[in-house]
PDB file of all heavy atoms in Angstrom:
ATOM      1  N   SER A   1     -67.480   5.253 111.156  1.00  0.00           N
ATOM      2  CA  SER A   1     -66.148   4.906 110.655  1.00  0.00           C
ATOM      3  C   SER A   1     -65.971   3.393 110.681  1.00  0.00           C
ATOM      4  O   SER A   1     -65.549   2.823 111.686  1.00  0.00           O
ATOM      5  CB  SER A   1     -65.069   5.587 111.513  1.00  0.00           C
ATOM      6  OG  SER A   1     -63.790   5.245 111.050  1.00  0.00           O
ATOM      7  N   ASN A   2     -66.312   2.756 109.563  1.00  0.00           N
ATOM      8  CA  ASN A   2     -66.189   1.305 109.467  1.00  0.00           C
ATOM      9  C   ASN A   2     -64.742   0.861 109.398  1.00  0.00           C
ATOM     10  O   ASN A   2     -63.858   1.614 108.977  1.00  0.00           O
ATOM     11  CB  ASN A   2     -66.901   0.793 108.210  1.00  0.00           C
ATOM     12  CG  ASN A   2     -68.387   0.891 108.297  1.00  0.00           C
ATOM     13  OD1 ASN A   2     -68.975   0.653 109.339  1.00  0.00           O
ATOM     14  ND2 ASN A   2     -69.016   1.246 107.192  1.00  0.00           N
ATOM     15  N   PHE A   3     -64.531  -0.391 109.758  1.00  0.00           N
ATOM     16  CA  PHE A   3     -63.272  -1.054 109.453  1.00  0.00           C
ATOM     17  C   PHE A   3     -63.412  -1.647 108.055  1.00  0.00           C
ATOM     18  O   PHE A   3     -64.516  -1.989 107.623  1.00  0.00           O
ATOM     19  CB  PHE A   3     -62.996  -2.198 110.442  1.00  0.00           C
ATOM     20  CG  PHE A   3     -62.522  -1.747 111.786  1.00  0.00           C
ATOM     21  CD1 PHE A   3     -63.316  -1.920 112.899  1.00  0.00           C
ATOM     22  CD2 PHE A   3     -61.263  -1.175 111.946  1.00  0.00           C
ATOM     23  CE1 PHE A   3     -62.877  -1.527 114.147  1.00  0.00           C
ATOM     24  CE2 PHE A   3     -60.819  -0.772 113.188  1.00  0.00           C
ATOM     25  CZ  PHE A   3     -61.623  -0.945 114.293  1.00  0.00           C
ATOM     26  N   TYR A   4     -62.299  -1.787 107.378  1.00  0.00           N
ATOM     27  CA  TYR A   4     -62.262  -2.451 106.081  1.00  0.00           C
ATOM     28  C   TYR A   4     -61.321  -3.628 106.197  1.00  0.00           C
ATOM     29  O   TYR A   4     -60.320  -3.574 106.915  1.00  0.00           O
ATOM     30  CB  TYR A   4     -61.776  -1.494 104.979  1.00  0.00           C
ATOM     31  CG  TYR A   4     -62.685  -0.308 104.818  1.00  0.00           C
ATOM     32  CD1 TYR A   4     -62.397   0.908 105.423  1.00  0.00           C
ATOM     33  CD2 TYR A   4     -63.860  -0.413 104.082  1.00  0.00           C
ATOM     34  CE1 TYR A   4     -63.242   1.993 105.299  1.00  0.00           C
ATOM     35  CE2 TYR A   4     -64.714   0.662 103.949  1.00  0.00           C
ATOM     36  CZ  TYR A   4     -64.394   1.863 104.565  1.00  0.00           C
ATOM     37  OH  TYR A   4     -65.240   2.937 104.439  1.00  0.00           O
ATOM     38  N   ARG A   5     -61.638  -4.687 105.478  1.00  0.00           N
ATOM     39  CA  ARG A   5     -60.757  -5.850 105.424  1.00  0.00           C
ATOM     40  C   ARG A   5     -60.851  -6.464 104.039  1.00  0.00           C
ATOM     41  O   ARG A   5     -61.795  -6.220 103.286  1.00  0.00           O
ATOM     42  CB  ARG A   5     -61.108  -6.863 106.508  1.00  0.00           C
ATOM     43  CG  ARG A   5     -62.414  -7.572 106.281  1.00  0.00           C
ATOM     44  CD  ARG A   5     -62.668  -8.636 107.330  1.00  0.00           C
ATOM     45  NE  ARG A   5     -63.981  -9.219 107.104  1.00  0.00           N
ATOM     46  CZ  ARG A   5     -64.720  -9.734 108.056  1.00  0.00           C
ATOM     47  NH1 ARG A   5     -64.294  -9.756 109.295  1.00  0.00           N
ATOM     48  NH2 ARG A   5     -65.902 -10.242 107.766  1.00  0.00           N
ATOM     49  N   LEU A   6     -59.859  -7.273 103.723  1.00  0.00           N
ATOM     50  CA  LEU A   6     -59.811  -7.918 102.415  1.00  0.00           C
ATOM     51  C   LEU A   6     -60.870  -9.006 102.310  1.00  0.00           C
ATOM     52  O   LEU A   6     -61.126  -9.730 103.272  1.00  0.00           O
ATOM     53  CB  LEU A   6     -58.443  -8.564 102.197  1.00  0.00           C
ATOM     54  CG  LEU A   6     -57.236  -7.636 102.159  1.00  0.00           C
ATOM     55  CD1 LEU A   6     -55.957  -8.460 102.049  1.00  0.00           C
ATOM     56  CD2 LEU A   6     -57.342  -6.654 101.006  1.00  0.00           C
ATOM     57  N   SER A   7     -61.448  -9.134 101.119  1.00  0.00           N
ATOM     58  CA  SER A   7     -62.286 -10.299 100.837  1.00  0.00           C
ATOM     59  C   SER A   7     -61.336 -11.481 100.632  1.00  0.00           C
ATOM     60  O   SER A   7     -60.122 -11.304 100.455  1.00  0.00           O
ATOM     61  CB  SER A   7     -63.118 -10.068  99.574  1.00  0.00           C
ATOM     62  OG  SER A   7     -62.276 -10.003  98.443  1.00  0.00           O
ATOM     63  N   ASP A   8     -61.876 -12.672 100.652  1.00  0.00           N
ATOM     64  CA  ASP A   8     -61.034 -13.858 100.419  1.00  0.00           C
ATOM     65  C   ASP A   8     -60.362 -13.786  99.049  1.00  0.00           C
ATOM     66  O   ASP A   8     -59.193 -14.132  98.898  1.00  0.00           O
ATOM     67  CB  ASP A   8     -61.868 -15.141 100.539  1.00  0.00           C
ATOM     68  CG  ASP A   8     -62.305 -15.421 101.970  1.00  0.00           C
ATOM     69  OD1 ASP A   8     -61.687 -14.883 102.924  1.00  0.00           O
ATOM     70  OD2 ASP A   8     -63.283 -16.175 102.144  1.00  0.00           O
ATOM     71  N   GLU A   9     -61.127 -13.307  98.049  1.00  0.00           N
ATOM     72  CA  GLU A   9     -60.580 -13.187  96.691  1.00  0.00           C
ATOM     73  C   GLU A   9     -59.406 -12.206  96.671  1.00  0.00           C
ATOM     74  O   GLU A   9     -58.350 -12.490  96.106  1.00  0.00           O
ATOM     75  CB  GLU A   9     -61.662 -12.705  95.733  1.00  0.00           C
ATOM     76  CG  GLU A   9     -61.155 -12.422  94.326  1.00  0.00           C
ATOM     77  CD  GLU A   9     -62.157 -11.698  93.444  1.00  0.00           C
ATOM     78  OE1 GLU A   9     -63.230 -11.306  93.929  1.00  0.00           O
ATOM     79  OE2 GLU A   9     -61.832 -11.513  92.254  1.00  0.00           O
ATOM     80  N   ALA A  10     -59.573 -11.049  97.303  1.00  0.00           N
ATOM     81  CA  ALA A  10     -58.521 -10.034  97.328  1.00  0.00           C
ATOM     82  C   ALA A  10     -57.297 -10.536  98.082  1.00  0.00           C
ATOM     83  O   ALA A  10     -56.162 -10.268  97.693  1.00  0.00           O
ATOM     84  CB  ALA A  10     -59.034  -8.746  97.949  1.00  0.00           C
ATOM     85  N   ARG A  11     -57.521 -11.263  99.172  1.00  0.00           N
ATOM     86  CA  ARG A  11     -56.401 -11.818  99.950  1.00  0.00           C
ATOM     87  C   ARG A  11     -55.571 -12.752  99.067  1.00  0.00           C
ATOM     88  O   ARG A  11     -54.349 -12.711  99.080  1.00  0.00           O
ATOM     89  CB  ARG A  11     -56.934 -12.550 101.182  1.00  0.00           C
ATOM     90  CG  ARG A  11     -55.844 -13.059 102.112  1.00  0.00           C
ATOM     91  CD  ARG A  11     -56.418 -13.646 103.390  1.00  0.00           C
ATOM     92  NE  ARG A  11     -57.265 -12.719 104.096  1.00  0.00           N
ATOM     93  CZ  ARG A  11     -56.840 -11.695 104.844  1.00  0.00           C
ATOM     94  NH1 ARG A  11     -55.556 -11.478 104.959  1.00  0.00           N
ATOM     95  NH2 ARG A  11     -57.694 -10.910 105.455  1.00  0.00           N
ATOM     96  N   ALA A  12     -56.241 -13.586  98.275  1.00  0.00           N
ATOM     97  CA  ALA A  12     -55.527 -14.510  97.382  1.00  0.00           C
ATOM     98  C   ALA A  12     -54.784 -13.744  96.297  1.00  0.00           C
ATOM     99  O   ALA A  12     -53.633 -14.080  95.957  1.00  0.00           O
ATOM    100  CB  ALA A  12     -56.511 -15.504  96.766  1.00  0.00           C
ATOM    101  N   ILE A  13     -55.410 -12.704  95.752  1.00  0.00           N
ATOM    102  CA  ILE A  13     -54.779 -11.918  94.685  1.00  0.00           C
ATOM    103  C   ILE A  13     -53.535 -11.202  95.205  1.00  0.00           C
ATOM    104  O   ILE A  13     -52.467 -11.286  94.600  1.00  0.00           O
ATOM    105  CB  ILE A  13     -55.779 -10.912  94.077  1.00  0.00           C
ATOM    106  CG1 ILE A  13     -56.833 -11.655  93.256  1.00  0.00           C
ATOM    107  CG2 ILE A  13     -55.062  -9.863  93.222  1.00  0.00           C
ATOM    108  CD1 ILE A  13     -57.999 -10.787  92.814  1.00  0.00           C
ATOM    109  N   ILE A  14     -53.645 -10.498  96.339  1.00  0.00           N
ATOM    110  CA  ILE A  14     -52.491  -9.746  96.832  1.00  0.00           C
ATOM    111  C   ILE A  14     -51.406 -10.698  97.336  1.00  0.00           C
ATOM    112  O   ILE A  14     -50.215 -10.404  97.200  1.00  0.00           O
ATOM    113  CB  ILE A  14     -52.889  -8.687  97.904  1.00  0.00           C
ATOM    114  CG1 ILE A  14     -51.725  -7.730  98.181  1.00  0.00           C
ATOM    115  CG2 ILE A  14     -53.383  -9.328  99.175  1.00  0.00           C
ATOM    116  CD1 ILE A  14     -51.267  -6.886  97.013  1.00  0.00           C
ATOM    117  N   ALA A  15     -51.783 -11.848  97.862  1.00  0.00           N
ATOM    118  CA  ALA A  15     -50.777 -12.829  98.289  1.00  0.00           C
ATOM    119  C   ALA A  15     -49.986 -13.333  97.081  1.00  0.00           C
ATOM    120  O   ALA A  15     -48.751 -13.462  97.145  1.00  0.00           O
ATOM    121  CB  ALA A  15     -51.434 -13.985  99.031  1.00  0.00           C
ATOM    122  N   ALA A  16     -50.663 -13.584  95.971  1.00  0.00           N
ATOM    123  CA  ALA A  16     -49.976 -14.043  94.757  1.00  0.00           C
ATOM    124  C   ALA A  16     -49.067 -12.949  94.203  1.00  0.00           C
ATOM    125  O   ALA A  16     -47.929 -13.220  93.788  1.00  0.00           O
ATOM    126  CB  ALA A  16     -50.996 -14.480  93.705  1.00  0.00           C
ATOM    127  N   ILE A  17     -49.556 -11.712  94.202  1.00  0.00           N
ATOM    128  CA  ILE A  17     -48.744 -10.585  93.726  1.00  0.00           C
ATOM    129  C   ILE A  17     -47.494 -10.457  94.587  1.00  0.00           C
ATOM    130  O   ILE A  17     -46.373 -10.323  94.085  1.00  0.00           O
ATOM    131  CB  ILE A  17     -49.569  -9.275  93.739  1.00  0.00           C
ATOM    132  CG1 ILE A  17     -50.637  -9.313  92.646  1.00  0.00           C
ATOM    133  CG2 ILE A  17     -48.658  -8.047  93.581  1.00  0.00           C
ATOM    134  CD1 ILE A  17     -51.705  -8.219  92.761  1.00  0.00           C
ATOM    135  N   ARG A  18     -47.664 -10.480  95.904  1.00  0.00           N
ATOM    136  CA  ARG A  18     -46.536 -10.329  96.836  1.00  0.00           C
ATOM    137  C   ARG A  18     -45.549 -11.483  96.698  1.00  0.00           C
ATOM    138  O   ARG A  18     -44.341 -11.272  96.765  1.00  0.00           O
ATOM    139  CB  ARG A  18     -47.049 -10.241  98.276  1.00  0.00           C
ATOM    140  CG  ARG A  18     -47.803  -8.983  98.584  1.00  0.00           C
ATOM    141  CD  ARG A  18     -46.930  -7.854  99.051  1.00  0.00           C
ATOM    142  NE  ARG A  18     -46.233  -8.241 100.263  1.00  0.00           N
ATOM    143  CZ  ARG A  18     -44.941  -8.021 100.472  1.00  0.00           C
ATOM    144  NH1 ARG A  18     -44.219  -7.403  99.598  1.00  0.00           N
ATOM    145  NH2 ARG A  18     -44.365  -8.412 101.584  1.00  0.00           N
ATOM    146  N   THR A  19     -46.028 -12.689  96.520  1.00  0.00           N
ATOM    147  CA  THR A  19     -45.137 -13.845  96.368  1.00  0.00           C
ATOM    148  C   THR A  19     -44.245 -13.667  95.148  1.00  0.00           C
ATOM    149  O   THR A  19     -43.030 -13.878  95.216  1.00  0.00           O
ATOM    150  CB  THR A  19     -45.962 -15.149  96.265  1.00  0.00           C
ATOM    151  OG1 THR A  19     -46.685 -15.326  97.486  1.00  0.00           O
ATOM    152  CG2 THR A  19     -45.078 -16.352  96.003  1.00  0.00           C
ATOM    153  N   ARG A  20     -44.852 -13.251  94.026  1.00  0.00           N
ATOM    154  CA  ARG A  20     -44.068 -13.040  92.806  1.00  0.00           C
ATOM    155  C   ARG A  20     -43.058 -11.918  93.010  1.00  0.00           C
ATOM    156  O   ARG A  20     -41.888 -12.044  92.659  1.00  0.00           O
ATOM    157  CB  ARG A  20     -44.985 -12.718  91.622  1.00  0.00           C
ATOM    158  CG  ARG A  20     -44.222 -12.524  90.308  1.00  0.00           C
ATOM    159  CD  ARG A  20     -45.090 -11.957  89.201  1.00  0.00           C
ATOM    160  NE  ARG A  20     -45.986 -10.897  89.592  1.00  0.00           N
ATOM    161  CZ  ARG A  20     -45.604  -9.640  89.869  1.00  0.00           C
ATOM    162  NH1 ARG A  20     -44.345  -9.299  89.812  1.00  0.00           N
ATOM    163  NH2 ARG A  20     -46.500  -8.721  90.201  1.00  0.00           N
ATOM    164  N   GLU A  21     -43.511 -10.797  93.588  1.00  0.00           N
ATOM    165  CA  GLU A  21     -42.610  -9.656  93.813  1.00  0.00           C
ATOM    166  C   GLU A  21     -41.450 -10.029  94.733  1.00  0.00           C
ATOM    167  O   GLU A  21     -40.306  -9.670  94.461  1.00  0.00           O
ATOM    168  CB  GLU A  21     -43.387  -8.486  94.419  1.00  0.00           C
ATOM    169  CG  GLU A  21     -44.352  -7.830  93.461  1.00  0.00           C
ATOM    170  CD  GLU A  21     -45.235  -6.796  94.134  1.00  0.00           C
ATOM    171  OE1 GLU A  21     -45.328  -6.758  95.381  1.00  0.00           O
ATOM    172  OE2 GLU A  21     -45.856  -6.009  93.390  1.00  0.00           O
ATOM    173  N   MET A  22     -41.732 -10.741  95.803  1.00  0.00           N
ATOM    174  CA  MET A  22     -40.682 -11.096  96.755  1.00  0.00           C
ATOM    175  C   MET A  22     -39.687 -12.070  96.131  1.00  0.00           C
ATOM    176  O   MET A  22     -38.487 -12.006  96.430  1.00  0.00           O
ATOM    177  CB  MET A  22     -41.283 -11.667  98.039  1.00  0.00           C
ATOM    178  CG  MET A  22     -42.084 -10.634  98.839  1.00  0.00           C
ATOM    179  SD  MET A  22     -41.186  -9.090  99.179  1.00  0.00           S
ATOM    180  CE  MET A  22     -40.001  -9.686 100.376  1.00  0.00           C
ATOM    181  N   ARG A  23     -40.144 -12.930  95.262  1.00  0.00           N
ATOM    182  CA  ARG A  23     -39.243 -13.837  94.550  1.00  0.00           C
ATOM    183  C   ARG A  23     -38.280 -13.029  93.672  1.00  0.00           C
ATOM    184  O   ARG A  23     -37.075 -13.280  93.653  1.00  0.00           O
ATOM    185  CB  ARG A  23     -40.072 -14.828  93.721  1.00  0.00           C
ATOM    186  CG  ARG A  23     -39.292 -15.972  93.144  1.00  0.00           C
ATOM    187  CD  ARG A  23     -40.162 -17.037  92.475  1.00  0.00           C
ATOM    188  NE  ARG A  23     -41.220 -16.506  91.632  1.00  0.00           N
ATOM    189  CZ  ARG A  23     -42.533 -16.621  91.879  1.00  0.00           C
ATOM    190  NH1 ARG A  23     -42.961 -17.265  92.934  1.00  0.00           N
ATOM    191  NH2 ARG A  23     -43.418 -16.108  91.040  1.00  0.00           N
ATOM    192  N   GLU A  24     -38.810 -12.023  92.966  1.00  0.00           N
ATOM    193  CA  GLU A  24     -37.972 -11.179  92.119  1.00  0.00           C
ATOM    194  C   GLU A  24     -37.003 -10.336  92.949  1.00  0.00           C
ATOM    195  O   GLU A  24     -35.834 -10.179  92.573  1.00  0.00           O
ATOM    196  CB  GLU A  24     -38.844 -10.268  91.253  1.00  0.00           C
ATOM    197  CG  GLU A  24     -39.599 -11.009  90.172  1.00  0.00           C
ATOM    198  CD  GLU A  24     -40.515 -10.104  89.360  1.00  0.00           C
ATOM    199  OE1 GLU A  24     -40.416  -8.872  89.467  1.00  0.00           O
ATOM    200  OE2 GLU A  24     -41.333 -10.661  88.596  1.00  0.00           O
ATOM    201  N   ILE A  25     -37.476  -9.802  94.063  1.00  0.00           N
ATOM    202  CA  ILE A  25     -36.611  -8.987  94.917  1.00  0.00           C
ATOM    203  C   ILE A  25     -35.514  -9.846  95.537  1.00  0.00           C
ATOM    204  O   ILE A  25     -34.361  -9.401  95.647  1.00  0.00           O
ATOM    205  CB  ILE A  25     -37.441  -8.243  95.985  1.00  0.00           C
ATOM    206  CG1 ILE A  25     -38.272  -7.153  95.289  1.00  0.00           C
ATOM    207  CG2 ILE A  25     -36.558  -7.643  97.074  1.00  0.00           C
ATOM    208  CD1 ILE A  25     -39.313  -6.503  96.175  1.00  0.00           C
ATOM    209  N   ALA A  26     -35.842 -11.063  95.942  1.00  0.00           N
ATOM    210  CA  ALA A  26     -34.831 -11.962  96.505  1.00  0.00           C
ATOM    211  C   ALA A  26     -33.735 -12.240  95.477  1.00  0.00           C
ATOM    212  O   ALA A  26     -32.542 -12.269  95.818  1.00  0.00           O
ATOM    213  CB  ALA A  26     -35.479 -13.263  96.973  1.00  0.00           C
ATOM    214  N   GLU A  27     -34.122 -12.408  94.238  1.00  0.00           N
ATOM    215  CA  GLU A  27     -33.134 -12.630  93.175  1.00  0.00           C
ATOM    216  C   GLU A  27     -32.273 -11.385  92.976  1.00  0.00           C
ATOM    217  O   GLU A  27     -31.054 -11.466  92.873  1.00  0.00           O
ATOM    218  CB  GLU A  27     -33.851 -13.025  91.874  1.00  0.00           C
ATOM    219  CG  GLU A  27     -32.933 -13.488  90.773  1.00  0.00           C
ATOM    220  CD  GLU A  27     -32.149 -14.736  91.120  1.00  0.00           C
ATOM    221  OE1 GLU A  27     -32.650 -15.606  91.856  1.00  0.00           O
ATOM    222  OE2 GLU A  27     -30.995 -14.843  90.642  1.00  0.00           O
ATOM    223  N   PHE A  28     -32.899 -10.213  92.941  1.00  0.00           N
ATOM    224  CA  PHE A  28     -32.189  -8.951  92.789  1.00  0.00           C
ATOM    225  C   PHE A  28     -31.227  -8.723  93.958  1.00  0.00           C
ATOM    226  O   PHE A  28     -30.107  -8.244  93.776  1.00  0.00           O
ATOM    227  CB  PHE A  28     -33.203  -7.804  92.702  1.00  0.00           C
ATOM    228  CG  PHE A  28     -32.600  -6.439  92.602  1.00  0.00           C
ATOM    229  CD1 PHE A  28     -32.035  -5.991  91.416  1.00  0.00           C
ATOM    230  CD2 PHE A  28     -32.586  -5.594  93.702  1.00  0.00           C
ATOM    231  CE1 PHE A  28     -31.483  -4.730  91.316  1.00  0.00           C
ATOM    232  CE2 PHE A  28     -32.028  -4.328  93.618  1.00  0.00           C
ATOM    233  CZ  PHE A  28     -31.473  -3.900  92.428  1.00  0.00           C
ATOM    234  N   ALA A  29     -31.660  -9.078  95.153  1.00  0.00           N
ATOM    235  CA  ALA A  29     -30.858  -8.853  96.367  1.00  0.00           C
ATOM    236  C   ALA A  29     -29.550  -9.641  96.362  1.00  0.00           C
ATOM    237  O   ALA A  29     -28.606  -9.267  97.068  1.00  0.00           O
ATOM    238  CB  ALA A  29     -31.676  -9.210  97.604  1.00  0.00           C
ATOM    239  N   LYS A  30     -29.467 -10.690  95.569  1.00  0.00           N
ATOM    240  CA  LYS A  30     -28.246 -11.494  95.505  1.00  0.00           C
ATOM    241  C   LYS A  30     -27.047 -10.683  95.037  1.00  0.00           C
ATOM    242  O   LYS A  30     -25.905 -11.066  95.278  1.00  0.00           O
ATOM    243  CB  LYS A  30     -28.439 -12.708  94.595  1.00  0.00           C
ATOM    244  CG  LYS A  30     -29.371 -13.750  95.169  1.00  0.00           C
ATOM    245  CD  LYS A  30     -29.554 -14.898  94.198  1.00  0.00           C
ATOM    246  CE  LYS A  30     -30.526 -15.927  94.751  1.00  0.00           C
ATOM    247  NZ  LYS A  30     -30.757 -17.027  93.788  1.00  0.00           N
ATOM    248  N   GLY A  31     -27.293  -9.544  94.397  1.00  0.00           N
ATOM    249  CA  GLY A  31     -26.199  -8.702  93.903  1.00  0.00           C
ATOM    250  C   GLY A  31     -25.625  -7.767  94.960  1.00  0.00           C
ATOM    251  O   GLY A  31     -24.731  -6.976  94.647  1.00  0.00           O
ATOM    252  N   PHE A  32     -26.115  -7.854  96.196  1.00  0.00           N
ATOM    253  CA  PHE A  32     -25.686  -6.936  97.248  1.00  0.00           C
ATOM    254  C   PHE A  32     -25.366  -7.702  98.518  1.00  0.00           C
ATOM    255  O   PHE A  32     -25.899  -8.785  98.756  1.00  0.00           O
ATOM    256  CB  PHE A  32     -26.794  -5.908  97.541  1.00  0.00           C
ATOM    257  CG  PHE A  32     -27.177  -5.117  96.332  1.00  0.00           C
ATOM    258  CD1 PHE A  32     -28.255  -5.507  95.548  1.00  0.00           C
ATOM    259  CD2 PHE A  32     -26.452  -4.003  95.957  1.00  0.00           C
ATOM    260  CE1 PHE A  32     -28.602  -4.800  94.410  1.00  0.00           C
ATOM    261  CE2 PHE A  32     -26.790  -3.293  94.821  1.00  0.00           C
ATOM    262  CZ  PHE A  32     -27.865  -3.687  94.043  1.00  0.00           C
ATOM    263  N   THR A  33     -24.508  -7.106  99.325  1.00  0.00           N
ATOM    264  CA  THR A  33     -24.202  -7.698 100.622  1.00  0.00           C
ATOM    265  C   THR A  33     -25.296  -7.326 101.614  1.00  0.00           C
ATOM    266  O   THR A  33     -26.061  -6.381 101.395  1.00  0.00           O
ATOM    267  CB  THR A  33     -22.858  -7.193 101.177  1.00  0.00           C
ATOM    268  OG1 THR A  33     -22.983  -5.793 101.466  1.00  0.00           O
ATOM    269  CG2 THR A  33     -21.712  -7.436 100.200  1.00  0.00           C
ATOM    270  N   GLU A  34     -25.333  -8.041 102.720  1.00  0.00           N
ATOM    271  CA  GLU A  34     -26.290  -7.726 103.776  1.00  0.00           C
ATOM    272  C   GLU A  34     -26.056  -6.307 104.283  1.00  0.00           C
ATOM    273  O   GLU A  34     -27.013  -5.553 104.510  1.00  0.00           O
ATOM    274  CB  GLU A  34     -26.150  -8.729 104.919  1.00  0.00           C
ATOM    275  CG  GLU A  34     -27.157  -8.513 106.025  1.00  0.00           C
ATOM    276  CD  GLU A  34     -27.046  -9.530 107.138  1.00  0.00           C
ATOM    277  OE1 GLU A  34     -26.614 -10.676 106.886  1.00  0.00           O
ATOM    278  OE2 GLU A  34     -27.419  -9.169 108.278  1.00  0.00           O
ATOM    279  N   ALA A  35     -24.799  -5.921 104.428  1.00  0.00           N
ATOM    280  CA  ALA A  35     -24.483  -4.569 104.917  1.00  0.00           C
ATOM    281  C   ALA A  35     -24.977  -3.500 103.937  1.00  0.00           C
ATOM    282  O   ALA A  35     -25.470  -2.450 104.357  1.00  0.00           O
ATOM    283  CB  ALA A  35     -22.983  -4.427 105.150  1.00  0.00           C
ATOM    284  N   GLU A  36     -24.844  -3.751 102.638  1.00  0.00           N
ATOM    285  CA  GLU A  36     -25.325  -2.783 101.649  1.00  0.00           C
ATOM    286  C   GLU A  36     -26.847  -2.629 101.725  1.00  0.00           C
ATOM    287  O   GLU A  36     -27.364  -1.510 101.660  1.00  0.00           O
ATOM    288  CB  GLU A  36     -24.904  -3.210 100.239  1.00  0.00           C
ATOM    289  CG  GLU A  36     -23.423  -3.047  99.979  1.00  0.00           C
ATOM    290  CD  GLU A  36     -22.975  -3.688  98.669  1.00  0.00           C
ATOM    291  OE1 GLU A  36     -23.564  -4.722  98.258  1.00  0.00           O
ATOM    292  OE2 GLU A  36     -22.024  -3.156  98.068  1.00  0.00           O
ATOM    293  N   ILE A  37     -27.545  -3.729 101.863  1.00  0.00           N
ATOM    294  CA  ILE A  37     -29.008  -3.664 101.944  1.00  0.00           C
ATOM    295  C   ILE A  37     -29.439  -2.969 103.229  1.00  0.00           C
ATOM    296  O   ILE A  37     -30.339  -2.130 103.214  1.00  0.00           O
ATOM    297  CB  ILE A  37     -29.627  -5.066 101.798  1.00  0.00           C
ATOM    298  CG1 ILE A  37     -29.394  -5.575 100.368  1.00  0.00           C
ATOM    299  CG2 ILE A  37     -31.122  -5.051 102.129  1.00  0.00           C
ATOM    300  CD1 ILE A  37     -29.765  -7.010 100.127  1.00  0.00           C
ATOM    301  N   ARG A  38     -28.786  -3.276 104.331  1.00  0.00           N
ATOM    302  CA  ARG A  38     -29.108  -2.602 105.597  1.00  0.00           C
ATOM    303  C   ARG A  38     -28.815  -1.101 105.493  1.00  0.00           C
ATOM    304  O   ARG A  38     -29.585  -0.282 105.989  1.00  0.00           O
ATOM    305  CB  ARG A  38     -28.349  -3.226 106.757  1.00  0.00           C
ATOM    306  CG  ARG A  38     -28.850  -4.598 107.126  1.00  0.00           C
ATOM    307  CD  ARG A  38     -28.204  -5.100 108.419  1.00  0.00           C
ATOM    308  NE  ARG A  38     -28.515  -6.487 108.644  1.00  0.00           N
ATOM    309  CZ  ARG A  38     -29.683  -6.949 109.074  1.00  0.00           C
ATOM    310  NH1 ARG A  38     -30.664  -6.115 109.322  1.00  0.00           N
ATOM    311  NH2 ARG A  38     -29.885  -8.237 109.254  1.00  0.00           N
ATOM    312  N   GLY A  39     -27.721  -0.738 104.841  1.00  0.00           N
ATOM    313  CA  GLY A  39     -27.385   0.671 104.643  1.00  0.00           C
ATOM    314  C   GLY A  39     -28.411   1.373 103.766  1.00  0.00           C
ATOM    315  O   GLY A  39     -28.817   2.504 104.050  1.00  0.00           O
ATOM    316  N   PHE A  40     -28.813   0.719 102.704  1.00  0.00           N
ATOM    317  CA  PHE A  40     -29.845   1.248 101.810  1.00  0.00           C
ATOM    318  C   PHE A  40     -31.120   1.529 102.591  1.00  0.00           C
ATOM    319  O   PHE A  40     -31.708   2.601 102.498  1.00  0.00           O
ATOM    320  CB  PHE A  40     -30.093   0.237 100.679  1.00  0.00           C
ATOM    321  CG  PHE A  40     -31.316   0.504  99.858  1.00  0.00           C
ATOM    322  CD1 PHE A  40     -31.303   1.470  98.863  1.00  0.00           C
ATOM    323  CD2 PHE A  40     -32.483  -0.222 100.052  1.00  0.00           C
ATOM    324  CE1 PHE A  40     -32.439   1.706  98.085  1.00  0.00           C
ATOM    325  CE2 PHE A  40     -33.617   0.003  99.287  1.00  0.00           C
ATOM    326  CZ  PHE A  40     -33.587   0.973  98.305  1.00  0.00           C
ATOM    327  N   TYR A  41     -31.543   0.549 103.371  1.00  0.00           N
ATOM    328  CA  TYR A  41     -32.761   0.702 104.170  1.00  0.00           C
ATOM    329  C   TYR A  41     -32.616   1.839 105.176  1.00  0.00           C
ATOM    330  O   TYR A  41     -33.525   2.666 105.326  1.00  0.00           O
ATOM    331  CB  TYR A  41     -33.088  -0.614 104.893  1.00  0.00           C
ATOM    332  CG  TYR A  41     -34.307  -0.504 105.765  1.00  0.00           C
ATOM    333  CD1 TYR A  41     -35.580  -0.591 105.214  1.00  0.00           C
ATOM    334  CD2 TYR A  41     -34.184  -0.279 107.130  1.00  0.00           C
ATOM    335  CE1 TYR A  41     -36.707  -0.460 106.009  1.00  0.00           C
ATOM    336  CE2 TYR A  41     -35.315  -0.149 107.932  1.00  0.00           C
ATOM    337  CZ  TYR A  41     -36.565  -0.242 107.363  1.00  0.00           C
ATOM    338  OH  TYR A  41     -37.672  -0.104 108.156  1.00  0.00           O
ATOM    339  N   LYS A  42     -31.496   1.910 105.827  1.00  0.00           N
ATOM    340  CA  LYS A  42     -31.269   2.961 106.828  1.00  0.00           C
ATOM    341  C   LYS A  42     -31.323   4.345 106.185  1.00  0.00           C
ATOM    342  O   LYS A  42     -31.964   5.266 106.709  1.00  0.00           O
ATOM    343  CB  LYS A  42     -29.928   2.759 107.519  1.00  0.00           C
ATOM    344  CG  LYS A  42     -29.617   3.804 108.572  1.00  0.00           C
ATOM    345  CD  LYS A  42     -28.276   3.552 109.228  1.00  0.00           C
ATOM    346  CE  LYS A  42     -27.983   4.639 110.258  1.00  0.00           C
ATOM    347  NZ  LYS A  42     -26.673   4.430 110.888  1.00  0.00           N
ATOM    348  N   ILE A  43     -30.677   4.509 105.058  1.00  0.00           N
ATOM    349  CA  ILE A  43     -30.656   5.817 104.393  1.00  0.00           C
ATOM    350  C   ILE A  43     -32.051   6.196 103.904  1.00  0.00           C
ATOM    351  O   ILE A  43     -32.508   7.321 104.132  1.00  0.00           O
ATOM    352  CB  ILE A  43     -29.629   5.838 103.245  1.00  0.00           C
ATOM    353  CG1 ILE A  43     -28.209   5.833 103.832  1.00  0.00           C
ATOM    354  CG2 ILE A  43     -29.833   7.053 102.339  1.00  0.00           C
ATOM    355  CD1 ILE A  43     -27.111   5.635 102.818  1.00  0.00           C
ATOM    356  N   LEU A  44     -32.750   5.289 103.248  1.00  0.00           N
ATOM    357  CA  LEU A  44     -34.100   5.625 102.763  1.00  0.00           C
ATOM    358  C   LEU A  44     -35.055   5.917 103.910  1.00  0.00           C
ATOM    359  O   LEU A  44     -35.862   6.851 103.825  1.00  0.00           O
ATOM    360  CB  LEU A  44     -34.649   4.512 101.885  1.00  0.00           C
ATOM    361  CG  LEU A  44     -34.085   4.424 100.477  1.00  0.00           C
ATOM    362  CD1 LEU A  44     -34.795   3.345  99.676  1.00  0.00           C
ATOM    363  CD2 LEU A  44     -34.175   5.742  99.752  1.00  0.00           C
ATOM    364  N   SER A  45     -34.986   5.146 104.982  1.00  0.00           N
ATOM    365  CA  SER A  45     -35.850   5.393 106.141  1.00  0.00           C
ATOM    366  C   SER A  45     -35.562   6.757 106.748  1.00  0.00           C
ATOM    367  O   SER A  45     -36.488   7.506 107.086  1.00  0.00           O
ATOM    368  CB  SER A  45     -35.630   4.319 107.209  1.00  0.00           C
ATOM    369  OG  SER A  45     -35.964   3.060 106.715  1.00  0.00           O
TER     370      SER A  45
END
């Protein structure tokens, strides 16, 4: 049972993907209050 880890190339690719996604989510989140987002998270969890 080996361990798996990201190659340097994959780390750069997923970091770029996540950076773009988080930028979009941060913009989307501006339409909600902190309490609404916390409630959303609580209900989905």
